[in-house]
Amino acid sequence: MNYLGPKTIFCDIDGTLIEHDGNLAEKINKKPELLKGVLEKFNEWDRKCYNIILTTGRKESNRPQLEKQLSDLGIFYDKLIMGLGGGIRVLINDLKPNNDTPTAVAINLERNKGLENIEV
């Protein structure tokens, strides 16, 4: 059997979903610009019952403002993890016995290009 269940997508916010202009302090009270293909991709993932976990280096103290911005843009998710900082993020996962399908994959995108051509 090759069934692994629904995928879990860990997705960064700034530069991946919304335009990253380098100044997070100003983003708190500014309407962010949604990048190409984001809503379409989120709708596709929702139809496929994927779990969507958003990640960001933004401070936990900015949670209410970020949640409102995401809601206003129509971005929905299952979890929001904040305060990750700007360092490299590493996903470590085990392989399932008797299954040759990878259980973890990483995709690095060019900043501010959106999700239009991404397949997971």
C-alpha atoms as a PDB file:
ATOM      1  CA  MET A   1       0.000   0.000   0.000  1.00  0.00           C
ATOM      2  CA  ASN A   2       1.322   3.419  -0.964  1.00  0.00           C
ATOM      3  CA  TYR A   3      -1.215   5.616   0.871  1.00  0.00           C
ATOM      4  CA  LEU A   4       0.296   8.373   2.995  1.00  0.00           C
ATOM      5  CA  GLY A   5      -2.808  10.482   3.644  1.00  0.00           C
ATOM      6  CA  PRO A   6      -3.309  14.147   2.725  1.00  0.00           C
ATOM      7  CA  LYS A   7      -0.217  16.268   2.188  1.00  0.00           C
ATOM      8  CA  THR A   8       0.826  18.909   4.672  1.00  0.00           C
ATOM      9  CA  ILE A   9       2.066  22.117   3.070  1.00  0.00           C
ATOM     10  CA  PHE A  10       4.438  24.312   5.099  1.00  0.00           C
ATOM     11  CA  CYS A  11       4.367  27.653   3.311  1.00  0.00           C
ATOM     12  CA  ASP A  12       6.227  30.865   4.096  1.00  0.00           C
ATOM     13  CA  ILE A  13       4.203  34.079   3.838  1.00  0.00           C
ATOM     14  CA  ASP A  14       6.393  37.061   2.890  1.00  0.00           C
ATOM     15  CA  GLY A  15       7.869  36.689  -0.591  1.00  0.00           C
ATOM     16  CA  THR A  16       5.891  33.481  -1.195  1.00  0.00           C
ATOM     17  CA  LEU A  17       2.227  34.422  -0.723  1.00  0.00           C
ATOM     18  CA  ILE A  18       2.449  38.206  -0.467  1.00  0.00           C
ATOM     19  CA  GLU A  19       5.003  40.661  -1.791  1.00  0.00           C
ATOM     20  CA  HIS A  20       8.093  41.013   0.389  1.00  0.00           C
ATOM     21  CA  ASP A  21       9.478  44.539   0.321  1.00  0.00           C
ATOM     22  CA  GLY A  22      12.024  44.078   3.109  1.00  0.00           C
ATOM     23  CA  ASN A  23      10.371  46.180   5.811  1.00  0.00           C
ATOM     24  CA  LEU A  24       8.193  44.049   8.078  1.00  0.00           C
ATOM     25  CA  ALA A  25       7.631  46.921  10.540  1.00  0.00           C
ATOM     26  CA  GLU A  26       5.750  48.858   7.843  1.00  0.00           C
ATOM     27  CA  LYS A  27       3.724  45.799   6.793  1.00  0.00           C
ATOM     28  CA  ILE A  28       1.708  45.818  10.017  1.00  0.00           C
ATOM     29  CA  ASN A  29      -0.620  48.622   8.891  1.00  0.00           C
ATOM     30  CA  LYS A  30      -0.248  48.290   5.110  1.00  0.00           C
ATOM     31  CA  LYS A  31      -2.457  46.213   2.808  1.00  0.00           C
ATOM     32  CA  PRO A  32      -0.186  43.504   1.375  1.00  0.00           C
ATOM     33  CA  GLU A  33      -0.087  42.615  -2.322  1.00  0.00           C
ATOM     34  CA  LEU A  34      -1.080  39.036  -3.093  1.00  0.00           C
ATOM     35  CA  LEU A  35       1.296  37.245  -5.470  1.00  0.00           C
ATOM     36  CA  LYS A  36       0.301  35.414  -8.668  1.00  0.00           C
ATOM     37  CA  GLY A  37      -1.460  32.092  -8.356  1.00  0.00           C
ATOM     38  CA  VAL A  38      -1.775  32.100  -4.567  1.00  0.00           C
ATOM     39  CA  LEU A  39      -5.563  31.949  -4.209  1.00  0.00           C
ATOM     40  CA  GLU A  40      -5.878  29.453  -7.051  1.00  0.00           C
ATOM     41  CA  LYS A  41      -3.262  27.192  -5.453  1.00  0.00           C
ATOM     42  CA  PHE A  42      -4.873  27.459  -1.996  1.00  0.00           C
ATOM     43  CA  ASN A  43      -8.252  26.537  -3.484  1.00  0.00           C
ATOM     44  CA  GLU A  44      -6.667  23.530  -5.209  1.00  0.00           C
ATOM     45  CA  TRP A  45      -5.009  22.409  -1.967  1.00  0.00           C
ATOM     46  CA  ASP A  46      -8.292  22.808  -0.109  1.00  0.00           C
ATOM     47  CA  ARG A  47     -10.121  20.637  -2.669  1.00  0.00           C
ATOM     48  CA  LYS A  48      -7.423  17.989  -2.153  1.00  0.00           C
ATOM     49  CA  CYS A  49      -7.872  18.237   1.667  1.00  0.00           C
ATOM     50  CA  TYR A  50      -4.239  19.270   2.217  1.00  0.00           C
ATOM     51  CA  ASN A  51      -3.226  20.673   5.612  1.00  0.00           C
ATOM     52  CA  ILE A  52      -1.884  24.203   5.181  1.00  0.00           C
ATOM     53  CA  ILE A  53       0.595  25.489   7.750  1.00  0.00           C
ATOM     54  CA  LEU A  54       1.813  29.035   7.235  1.00  0.00           C
ATOM     55  CA  THR A  55       5.217  30.057   8.574  1.00  0.00           C
ATOM     56  CA  THR A  56       6.779  33.457   9.075  1.00  0.00           C
ATOM     57  CA  GLY A  57       9.615  35.264  10.743  1.00  0.00           C
ATOM     58  CA  ARG A  58       7.194  37.957  11.897  1.00  0.00           C
ATOM     59  CA  LYS A  59       6.978  38.462  15.646  1.00  0.00           C
ATOM     60  CA  GLU A  60       4.237  36.695  17.620  1.00  0.00           C
ATOM     61  CA  SER A  61       3.126  40.121  18.904  1.00  0.00           C
ATOM     62  CA  ASN A  62       1.961  40.928  15.342  1.00  0.00           C
ATOM     63  CA  ARG A  63      -0.373  37.907  15.131  1.00  0.00           C
ATOM     64  CA  PRO A  64      -3.688  39.866  15.211  1.00  0.00           C
ATOM     65  CA  GLN A  65      -2.617  42.187  12.372  1.00  0.00           C
ATOM     66  CA  LEU A  66      -1.264  39.330  10.242  1.00  0.00           C
ATOM     67  CA  GLU A  67      -4.351  37.172  10.776  1.00  0.00           C
ATOM     68  CA  LYS A  68      -6.541  40.084   9.642  1.00  0.00           C
ATOM     69  CA  GLN A  69      -4.361  40.729   6.578  1.00  0.00           C
ATOM     70  CA  LEU A  70      -4.508  37.065   5.561  1.00  0.00           C
ATOM     71  CA  SER A  71      -8.273  36.930   6.092  1.00  0.00           C
ATOM     72  CA  ASP A  72      -8.829  40.132   4.084  1.00  0.00           C
ATOM     73  CA  LEU A  73      -6.819  38.597   1.208  1.00  0.00           C
ATOM     74  CA  GLY A  74      -8.861  35.387   1.309  1.00  0.00           C
ATOM     75  CA  ILE A  75      -5.942  33.223   2.474  1.00  0.00           C
ATOM     76  CA  PHE A  76      -7.101  30.393   4.735  1.00  0.00           C
ATOM     77  CA  TYR A  77      -4.927  27.911   6.588  1.00  0.00           C
ATOM     78  CA  ASP A  78      -4.907  25.296   9.338  1.00  0.00           C
ATOM     79  CA  LYS A  79      -2.062  26.661  11.487  1.00  0.00           C
ATOM     80  CA  LEU A  80       0.091  29.787  11.649  1.00  0.00           C
ATOM     81  CA  ILE A  81       3.610  29.475  13.077  1.00  0.00           C
ATOM     82  CA  MET A  82       5.262  32.828  13.843  1.00  0.00           C
ATOM     83  CA  GLY A  83       8.651  34.041  15.072  1.00  0.00           C
ATOM     84  CA  LEU A  84      10.833  31.684  13.012  1.00  0.00           C
ATOM     85  CA  GLY A  85      13.445  34.295  12.167  1.00  0.00           C
ATOM     86  CA  GLY A  86      15.301  34.591   8.893  1.00  0.00           C
ATOM     87  CA  GLY A  87      17.628  31.598   9.106  1.00  0.00           C
ATOM     88  CA  ILE A  88      17.542  28.420   7.038  1.00  0.00           C
ATOM     89  CA  ARG A  89      14.552  26.167   7.737  1.00  0.00           C
ATOM     90  CA  VAL A  90      15.124  22.431   7.726  1.00  0.00           C
ATOM     91  CA  LEU A  91      12.390  19.779   7.626  1.00  0.00           C
ATOM     92  CA  ILE A  92      13.339  16.400   9.081  1.00  0.00           C
ATOM     93  CA  ASN A  93      10.919  13.510   8.631  1.00  0.00           C
ATOM     94  CA  ASP A  94      11.022   9.704   8.797  1.00  0.00           C
ATOM     95  CA  LEU A  95      10.460   7.308   5.909  1.00  0.00           C
ATOM     96  CA  LYS A  96       7.520   4.959   6.228  1.00  0.00           C
ATOM     97  CA  PRO A  97       8.441   1.235   6.303  1.00  0.00           C
ATOM     98  CA  ASN A  98       7.928  -0.618   3.001  1.00  0.00           C
ATOM     99  CA  ASN A  99       7.266   2.621   1.125  1.00  0.00           C
ATOM    100  CA  ASP A 100       9.619   4.231  -1.370  1.00  0.00           C
ATOM    101  CA  THR A 101       7.656   7.486  -1.549  1.00  0.00           C
ATOM    102  CA  PRO A 102       9.494  10.417   0.092  1.00  0.00           C
ATOM    103  CA  THR A 103       7.723  11.830   3.149  1.00  0.00           C
ATOM    104  CA  ALA A 104       9.364  15.261   2.938  1.00  0.00           C
ATOM    105  CA  VAL A 105      10.077  17.575   0.010  1.00  0.00           C
ATOM    106  CA  ALA A 106      11.445  21.133  -0.143  1.00  0.00           C
ATOM    107  CA  ILE A 107      10.733  23.743  -2.815  1.00  0.00           C
ATOM    108  CA  ASN A 108      12.686  26.996  -2.847  1.00  0.00           C
ATOM    109  CA  LEU A 109      11.010  29.785  -4.827  1.00  0.00           C
ATOM    110  CA  GLU A 110      12.332  32.990  -6.261  1.00  0.00           C
ATOM    111  CA  ARG A 111      11.101  35.798  -3.994  1.00  0.00           C
ATOM    112  CA  ASN A 112       7.843  37.520  -4.975  1.00  0.00           C
ATOM    113  CA  LYS A 113       7.117  35.183  -7.930  1.00  0.00           C
ATOM    114  CA  GLY A 114       4.050  33.522  -6.353  1.00  0.00           C
ATOM    115  CA  LEU A 115       2.738  29.968  -6.559  1.00  0.00           C
ATOM    116  CA  GLU A 116       1.419  30.003 -10.104  1.00  0.00           C
ATOM    117  CA  ASN A 117       3.696  27.248 -11.468  1.00  0.00           C
ATOM    118  CA  ILE A 118       4.167  25.173  -8.314  1.00  0.00           C
ATOM    119  CA  GLU A 119       3.168  21.513  -8.170  1.00  0.00           C
ATOM    120  CA  VAL A 120       3.251  19.564  -4.907  1.00  0.00           C
END
